[in-house]
Amino acid sequence: MSLLQDITSPSKQTSWGTTATVHPLSVTQTTHGECFTSAEHFYFEGFEDGLRRREAEVASLQNQLNQAGFEIVQLKLKNQNLEEENQASRASEAIVSDDIDTSSNGSASSFIRVPPPSPTMTFPPSRSNNRYGIPNYLSVFRSREAETALKELMEKARQMDARSLTRIKNMCREAHATPRDSKSWAQSFILSEWRNPPELAPPNTRDPAKPALPNPRMGDSFESWYEYYSIHSSSLPRGVRKDTQGRPWKPDLRASRLAAQLRPLQTSPAATRTEFNYYLIELLGTSGEYQRVVSRRGLRIATKLSPQPYDGPSPVTIEDVVLHMAACGVTYEIVRDDLEPWSRQYKAVGTTFGPKST
């Protein structure tokens, strides 16, 4: 077939076996008065379609870049918090040497020599989280190795092994003296699980029917926490003041316990816990802000106060915090009388780290 016949032929067999009608010499006029042949028209139409696809790909890559940037910020934040917690633990580090002496009456007494902490004391990086022979003892994250080692140590101490018992006493003393926000997972585990053997109770002072006062758990009553912190006042949570008798100020402690029950579980991602706490304190730091957000969003506050751990979306926003509080029945009065005053004390103690813009 000649070139002229091929150009002027109204139909042509395609590679898919179908017949398509083409008019390569027909003319198309655009809205701007420009004229294109059909071939040129299809060329420019395909070119524009390619541009649109490229724009979609660029937008997708930009979204991925933004997400990666956010994850980097969260990792930096998490690393910063861990570094500060490790610094706080290292600042209180002391070398403890214990001598066990048995008196003539058979009772064991411990003589503990604690040298003053040295500002130049350092620890090898590879063992920075190990202490008392417990792996990951200073880590804020749960560790199976630490849990197994602590359970074995407690079992030996319950059998009145003098060396193990002394180590447990020192660990409990250090954990009680460590601020709540600086406690490692292992320290919290010790305080919640260890109970002194009955043989250690002083004579004529122990009530056999009354067990030793344990560290309360998350779901325990407010009275249990109040009694515990009245004895261990050095372990008061951040933002809780003392009354004139040195006991916890009840409104502050009540607000602190409520905030703890509203926070995400310890098993939640560290970034989610940090974001929730940051926005909770920011929300409560502005008087009346909780009520304004509830009114603006048209939210309904549950009729009964029933605090639950946050399990909503992440990243967390202030409105996510407000929605969770309203669903748990946190009223305006509770926020005004307890939570807002406590949050001001909480912020006054130190810096609250949260999401940072890049």
Protein backbone atom coordinates (compact mmCIF):
# COMPACT_ATOMS: atom_id res chain seq x y z
CA MET A 1 0.00 0.00 0.00
CA SER A 2 1.35 3.45 -0.85
CA LEU A 3 2.00 6.18 1.72
CA LEU A 4 -0.90 8.27 0.33
CA GLN A 5 -3.30 5.32 0.64
CA ASP A 6 -2.18 4.71 4.22
CA ILE A 7 -2.76 8.34 5.19
CA THR A 8 -6.17 8.68 3.55
CA SER A 9 -7.49 5.27 4.64
CA PRO A 10 -10.49 5.84 7.00
CA SER A 11 -9.85 2.65 9.00
CA LYS A 12 -6.85 0.69 10.21
CA GLN A 13 -6.27 -2.70 11.87
CA THR A 14 -4.87 -2.21 15.40
CA SER A 15 -2.43 -4.44 17.26
CA TRP A 16 -5.32 -5.83 19.35
CA GLY A 17 -7.14 -7.16 16.32
CA THR A 18 -9.86 -4.49 16.31
CA THR A 19 -10.55 -1.93 13.64
CA ALA A 20 -10.31 1.73 14.64
CA THR A 21 -11.42 4.63 12.50
CA VAL A 22 -8.86 7.44 12.35
CA HIS A 23 -8.81 10.71 10.55
CA PRO A 24 -5.23 11.92 10.72
CA LEU A 25 -5.89 14.83 8.43
CA SER A 26 -9.00 16.13 10.22
CA VAL A 27 -8.59 19.48 11.91
CA THR A 28 -9.55 20.40 15.51
CA GLN A 29 -9.97 24.01 16.59
CA THR A 30 -9.28 24.88 20.26
CA THR A 31 -11.10 27.48 22.34
CA HIS A 32 -8.17 29.85 21.77
CA GLY A 33 -8.57 29.67 18.00
CA GLU A 34 -5.59 27.37 17.47
CA CYS A 35 -5.92 24.56 14.96
CA PHE A 36 -4.48 21.09 15.40
CA THR A 37 -4.71 17.95 13.36
CA SER A 38 -6.12 14.88 15.08
CA ALA A 39 -2.64 13.47 15.55
CA GLU A 40 -1.46 16.68 17.21
CA HIS A 41 -4.60 16.81 19.35
CA PHE A 42 -4.04 13.27 20.65
CA TYR A 43 -0.38 14.05 21.25
CA PHE A 44 -1.11 17.10 23.43
CA GLU A 45 -3.93 15.27 25.23
CA GLY A 46 -1.54 12.44 26.10
CA PHE A 47 1.09 14.96 27.17
CA GLU A 48 -1.37 16.65 29.57
CA ASP A 49 -2.41 13.28 30.96
CA GLY A 50 1.23 12.48 31.62
CA LEU A 51 1.67 15.79 33.46
CA ARG A 52 -1.33 15.03 35.66
CA ARG A 53 0.12 11.65 36.56
CA ARG A 54 3.46 13.21 37.40
CA GLU A 55 1.73 15.75 39.66
CA ALA A 56 -0.08 12.92 41.46
CA GLU A 57 3.22 11.10 41.96
CA VAL A 58 4.86 14.26 43.32
CA ALA A 59 1.97 14.77 45.76
CA SER A 60 2.28 11.16 46.94
CA LEU A 61 6.02 11.55 47.47
CA GLN A 62 5.42 14.79 49.38
CA ASN A 63 2.98 13.01 51.71
CA GLN A 64 5.53 10.27 52.32
CA LEU A 65 8.18 12.91 53.04
CA ASN A 66 5.91 14.69 55.53
CA GLN A 67 5.16 11.40 57.31
CA ALA A 68 8.86 10.55 57.49
CA GLY A 69 9.58 14.02 58.89
CA PHE A 70 6.96 13.56 61.60
CA GLU A 71 8.39 10.17 62.56
CA ILE A 72 11.87 11.70 62.81
CA VAL A 73 10.53 14.39 65.17
CA GLN A 74 8.89 11.72 67.34
CA LEU A 75 12.10 9.69 67.49
CA LYS A 76 14.09 12.78 68.47
CA LEU A 77 11.54 13.56 71.18
CA LYS A 78 11.65 10.01 72.50
CA ASN A 79 15.46 10.04 72.52
CA GLN A 80 15.50 13.37 74.36
CA ASN A 81 13.17 12.06 77.07
CA LEU A 82 15.24 8.90 77.50
CA GLU A 83 18.46 10.89 77.77
CA GLU A 84 16.99 13.13 80.48
CA GLU A 85 15.68 10.16 82.44
CA ASN A 86 19.07 8.45 82.24
CA GLN A 87 20.80 11.65 83.35
CA ALA A 88 18.47 11.92 86.35
CA SER A 89 19.18 8.31 87.29
CA ARG A 90 22.93 8.72 86.88
CA ALA A 91 22.93 11.89 88.99
CA SER A 92 21.53 9.93 91.94
CA GLU A 93 23.84 6.94 91.38
CA ALA A 94 25.92 5.88 94.35
CA ILE A 95 28.17 2.94 95.04
CA VAL A 96 26.61 0.93 97.83
CA SER A 97 28.64 -1.60 99.79
CA ASP A 98 26.84 -3.67 102.38
CA ASP A 99 28.19 -5.66 105.31
CA ILE A 100 25.89 -8.17 106.99
CA ASP A 101 26.53 -8.70 110.70
CA THR A 102 24.69 -11.22 112.83
CA SER A 103 24.30 -10.21 116.47
CA SER A 104 24.29 -12.58 119.40
CA ASN A 105 20.49 -12.83 119.44
CA GLY A 106 20.45 -14.14 115.87
CA SER A 107 18.87 -11.08 114.24
CA ALA A 108 20.48 -9.74 111.08
CA SER A 109 21.35 -6.05 110.86
CA SER A 110 22.70 -4.23 107.84
CA PHE A 111 25.43 -1.61 107.94
CA ILE A 112 25.31 0.42 104.74
CA ARG A 113 28.06 2.78 103.69
CA VAL A 114 27.01 5.18 100.96
CA PRO A 115 29.76 7.54 99.76
CA PRO A 116 28.60 10.92 98.45
CA PRO A 117 27.91 10.96 94.70
CA SER A 118 30.77 12.22 92.60
CA PRO A 119 30.01 14.63 89.75
CA THR A 120 32.71 12.93 87.70
CA MET A 121 31.33 9.40 88.16
CA THR A 122 30.68 7.77 84.79
CA PHE A 123 29.40 4.41 83.62
CA PRO A 124 30.40 2.37 80.56
CA PRO A 125 27.92 2.97 77.72
CA SER A 126 27.39 -0.76 77.21
CA ARG A 127 26.21 -1.18 80.83
CA SER A 128 24.40 2.15 81.35
CA ASN A 129 21.03 0.45 81.86
CA ASN A 130 22.33 -2.30 84.16
CA ARG A 131 22.38 -1.96 87.94
CA TYR A 132 22.46 -4.33 90.91
CA GLY A 133 23.29 -7.07 88.41
CA ILE A 134 19.85 -6.66 86.79
CA PRO A 135 19.86 -6.23 82.98
CA ASN A 136 18.02 -3.14 81.69
CA TYR A 137 17.36 -2.04 85.28
CA LEU A 138 17.37 1.67 84.39
CA SER A 139 15.34 1.33 81.20
CA VAL A 140 11.87 2.89 81.08
CA PHE A 141 10.65 0.03 78.89
CA ARG A 142 9.50 -3.37 80.08
CA SER A 143 12.19 -6.02 79.79
CA ARG A 144 11.66 -9.77 80.08
CA GLU A 145 15.27 -10.18 81.19
CA ALA A 146 14.82 -7.64 84.00
CA GLU A 147 11.51 -9.18 85.08
CA THR A 148 12.96 -12.70 85.23
CA ALA A 149 16.05 -11.55 87.16
CA LEU A 150 13.96 -9.56 89.66
CA LYS A 151 11.59 -12.48 90.30
CA GLU A 152 14.54 -14.78 90.97
CA LEU A 153 16.07 -12.21 93.33
CA MET A 154 12.77 -11.77 95.22
CA GLU A 155 12.36 -15.51 95.61
CA LYS A 156 15.83 -15.79 97.17
CA ALA A 157 15.09 -12.83 99.46
CA ARG A 158 11.83 -14.45 100.65
CA GLN A 159 13.90 -17.48 101.66
CA MET A 160 15.89 -15.08 103.89
CA ASP A 161 19.05 -15.15 101.77
CA ALA A 162 20.94 -12.28 103.42
CA ARG A 163 22.70 -11.02 100.28
CA SER A 164 19.52 -11.01 98.17
CA LEU A 165 17.51 -9.42 100.97
CA THR A 166 20.00 -6.58 101.30
CA ARG A 167 19.94 -5.91 97.57
CA ILE A 168 16.14 -5.81 97.56
CA LYS A 169 16.10 -3.35 100.49
CA ASN A 170 18.55 -1.06 98.72
CA MET A 171 16.57 -1.23 95.49
CA CYS A 172 13.30 -0.41 97.28
CA ARG A 173 14.91 2.48 99.15
CA GLU A 174 16.30 3.92 95.92
CA ALA A 175 12.99 3.42 94.08
CA HIS A 176 11.04 5.21 96.82
CA ALA A 177 13.47 8.14 96.65
CA THR A 178 13.24 8.40 92.85
CA PRO A 179 10.58 10.85 91.56
CA ARG A 180 7.66 9.16 89.89
CA ASP A 181 8.39 10.56 86.42
CA SER A 182 11.99 9.34 86.65
CA LYS A 183 11.32 5.79 87.84
CA SER A 184 12.46 2.98 85.56
CA TRP A 185 10.17 0.09 84.71
CA ALA A 186 12.15 -2.20 87.02
CA GLN A 187 11.79 0.22 89.95
CA SER A 188 8.02 0.38 89.49
CA PHE A 189 7.91 -3.41 89.25
CA ILE A 190 9.81 -3.81 92.53
CA LEU A 191 7.53 -1.43 94.43
CA SER A 192 4.41 -3.17 93.16
CA GLU A 193 5.57 -6.78 93.67
CA TRP A 194 7.87 -6.91 96.68
CA ARG A 195 6.47 -7.68 100.16
CA ASN A 196 8.67 -7.98 103.23
CA PRO A 197 8.74 -11.47 104.75
CA PRO A 198 6.90 -11.72 108.11
CA GLU A 199 10.18 -12.60 109.83
CA LEU A 200 11.45 -9.05 109.22
CA ALA A 201 8.69 -7.31 111.16
CA PRO A 202 10.00 -5.66 114.38
CA PRO A 203 8.90 -7.52 117.54
CA ASN A 204 5.77 -6.28 119.33
CA THR A 205 5.00 -3.79 116.54
CA ARG A 206 3.70 -5.94 113.70
CA ASP A 207 0.01 -6.70 113.36
CA PRO A 208 -0.11 -10.20 111.80
CA ALA A 209 -3.56 -9.48 110.38
CA LYS A 210 -2.36 -6.36 108.57
CA PRO A 211 -0.05 -6.90 105.57
CA ALA A 212 2.79 -4.57 104.72
CA LEU A 213 1.66 -1.50 102.81
CA PRO A 214 2.25 -2.25 99.10
CA ASN A 215 2.59 0.15 96.21
CA PRO A 216 -1.02 0.68 94.97
CA ARG A 217 -1.99 -0.34 91.46
CA MET A 218 -3.65 1.77 88.78
CA GLY A 219 -7.21 0.74 89.62
CA ASP A 220 -6.88 1.03 93.41
CA SER A 221 -8.95 3.56 95.35
CA PHE A 222 -7.91 7.14 96.00
CA GLU A 223 -7.66 6.34 99.73
CA SER A 224 -5.06 3.64 99.02
CA TRP A 225 -2.90 6.08 97.08
CA TYR A 226 -3.33 8.77 99.73
CA GLU A 227 -2.24 6.39 102.51
CA TYR A 228 0.72 5.21 100.46
CA TYR A 229 2.00 8.71 99.63
CA SER A 230 1.43 9.85 103.22
CA ILE A 231 4.10 7.32 104.21
CA HIS A 232 6.33 7.66 101.13
CA SER A 233 6.10 11.42 100.65
CA SER A 234 9.42 11.50 98.77
CA SER A 235 7.73 9.59 95.93
CA LEU A 236 4.92 12.10 95.41
CA PRO A 237 3.94 12.45 91.75
CA ARG A 238 4.92 15.56 89.87
CA GLY A 239 2.63 18.51 90.60
CA VAL A 240 1.30 17.20 93.94
CA ARG A 241 1.93 19.56 96.86
CA LYS A 242 2.05 18.73 100.58
CA ASP A 243 -0.29 20.06 103.24
CA THR A 244 0.85 21.61 106.53
CA GLN A 245 1.29 18.14 108.06
CA GLY A 246 3.49 16.91 105.23
CA ARG A 247 0.82 14.71 103.67
CA PRO A 248 -0.31 14.92 100.02
CA TRP A 249 -2.63 17.82 99.18
CA LYS A 250 -5.80 15.91 98.36
CA PRO A 251 -7.06 18.05 95.41
CA ASP A 252 -3.65 17.76 93.73
CA LEU A 253 -3.41 14.01 94.33
CA ARG A 254 -6.98 13.48 93.13
CA ALA A 255 -6.20 15.36 89.90
CA SER A 256 -2.91 13.48 89.46
CA ARG A 257 -4.64 10.10 89.79
CA LEU A 258 -7.36 11.14 87.33
CA ALA A 259 -4.76 12.26 84.77
CA ALA A 260 -2.89 8.96 85.23
CA GLN A 261 -6.08 7.00 84.54
CA LEU A 262 -6.80 9.05 81.40
CA ARG A 263 -3.33 8.59 79.88
CA PRO A 264 -2.56 5.80 77.39
CA LEU A 265 -1.40 2.48 78.81
CA GLN A 266 2.29 1.88 79.40
CA THR A 267 2.20 -0.62 76.54
CA SER A 268 1.18 2.16 74.11
CA PRO A 269 3.83 3.79 71.87
CA ALA A 270 6.01 6.25 73.75
CA ALA A 271 5.20 9.00 71.23
CA THR A 272 1.46 8.60 71.85
CA ARG A 273 1.90 8.81 75.64
CA THR A 274 4.12 11.87 75.33
CA GLU A 275 1.73 13.66 72.96
CA PHE A 276 -1.32 12.96 75.13
CA ASN A 277 0.37 14.20 78.30
CA TYR A 278 1.71 17.29 76.53
CA TYR A 279 -1.66 18.33 75.11
CA LEU A 280 -3.47 17.49 78.37
CA ILE A 281 -1.22 19.88 80.30
CA GLU A 282 -1.50 22.51 77.55
CA LEU A 283 -5.30 22.23 77.59
CA LEU A 284 -5.54 22.54 81.37
CA GLY A 285 -3.02 25.38 81.43
CA THR A 286 -5.60 27.75 79.88
CA SER A 287 -8.50 28.39 82.23
CA GLY A 288 -11.87 27.51 80.65
CA GLU A 289 -10.35 26.06 77.47
CA TYR A 290 -11.88 22.62 78.08
CA GLN A 291 -15.38 24.10 78.29
CA ARG A 292 -14.82 26.22 75.17
CA VAL A 293 -13.71 23.24 73.07
CA VAL A 294 -16.61 21.11 74.33
CA SER A 295 -19.10 23.86 73.42
CA ARG A 296 -17.52 24.56 70.03
CA ARG A 297 -17.57 20.88 69.06
CA GLY A 298 -21.05 20.31 70.49
CA LEU A 299 -19.80 17.43 72.64
CA ARG A 300 -21.81 15.77 75.39
CA ILE A 301 -20.12 14.93 78.69
CA ALA A 302 -20.93 11.48 80.07
CA THR A 303 -23.16 11.59 83.14
CA LYS A 304 -20.85 9.36 85.23
CA LEU A 305 -17.13 9.81 85.83
CA SER A 306 -15.49 6.65 84.49
CA PRO A 307 -11.85 7.33 83.50
CA GLN A 308 -10.33 4.95 80.95
CA PRO A 309 -6.90 4.85 79.24
CA TYR A 310 -6.75 6.77 75.96
CA ASP A 311 -6.79 4.49 72.91
CA GLY A 312 -7.74 7.02 70.24
CA PRO A 313 -5.95 8.16 67.09
CA SER A 314 -2.30 9.06 66.87
CA PRO A 315 -0.81 11.66 66.39
CA VAL A 316 -2.83 13.09 69.28
CA THR A 317 -4.43 16.55 69.14
CA ILE A 318 -5.96 18.76 71.84
CA GLU A 319 -9.42 17.96 70.49
CA ASP A 320 -8.67 14.23 70.81
CA VAL A 321 -7.85 14.83 74.48
CA VAL A 322 -11.05 16.84 75.02
CA LEU A 323 -13.17 14.19 73.29
CA HIS A 324 -11.65 11.47 75.49
CA MET A 325 -12.18 13.47 78.70
CA ALA A 326 -15.82 14.18 77.82
CA ALA A 327 -16.47 10.51 77.04
CA CYS A 328 -15.01 9.61 80.47
CA GLY A 329 -17.36 12.03 82.26
CA VAL A 330 -14.86 14.74 83.24
CA THR A 331 -17.04 17.74 84.15
CA TYR A 332 -16.27 21.45 84.04
CA GLU A 333 -16.23 21.51 87.86
CA ILE A 334 -13.59 18.77 88.08
CA VAL A 335 -11.42 20.62 85.57
CA ARG A 336 -11.85 23.97 87.32
CA ASP A 337 -11.43 22.80 90.93
CA ASP A 338 -8.83 20.03 90.59
CA LEU A 339 -7.20 19.57 87.19
CA GLU A 340 -6.38 23.18 86.27
CA PRO A 341 -4.69 24.04 89.63
CA TRP A 342 -2.76 20.76 89.50
CA SER A 343 -1.60 21.41 85.92
CA ARG A 344 -0.11 24.77 86.95
CA GLN A 345 1.90 23.02 89.67
CA TYR A 346 2.89 20.32 87.19
CA LYS A 347 4.26 22.86 84.71
CA ALA A 348 6.00 24.82 87.46
CA VAL A 349 8.09 21.78 88.45
CA GLY A 350 9.82 21.44 85.09
CA THR A 351 9.60 21.44 81.33
CA THR A 352 6.91 19.38 79.63
CA PHE A 353 8.27 18.08 76.36
CA GLY A 354 5.94 17.66 73.45
CA PRO A 355 5.69 17.68 69.67
CA LYS A 356 7.93 20.27 68.03
CA SER A 357 7.45 21.83 64.61
CA THR A 358 10.26 21.57 62.11
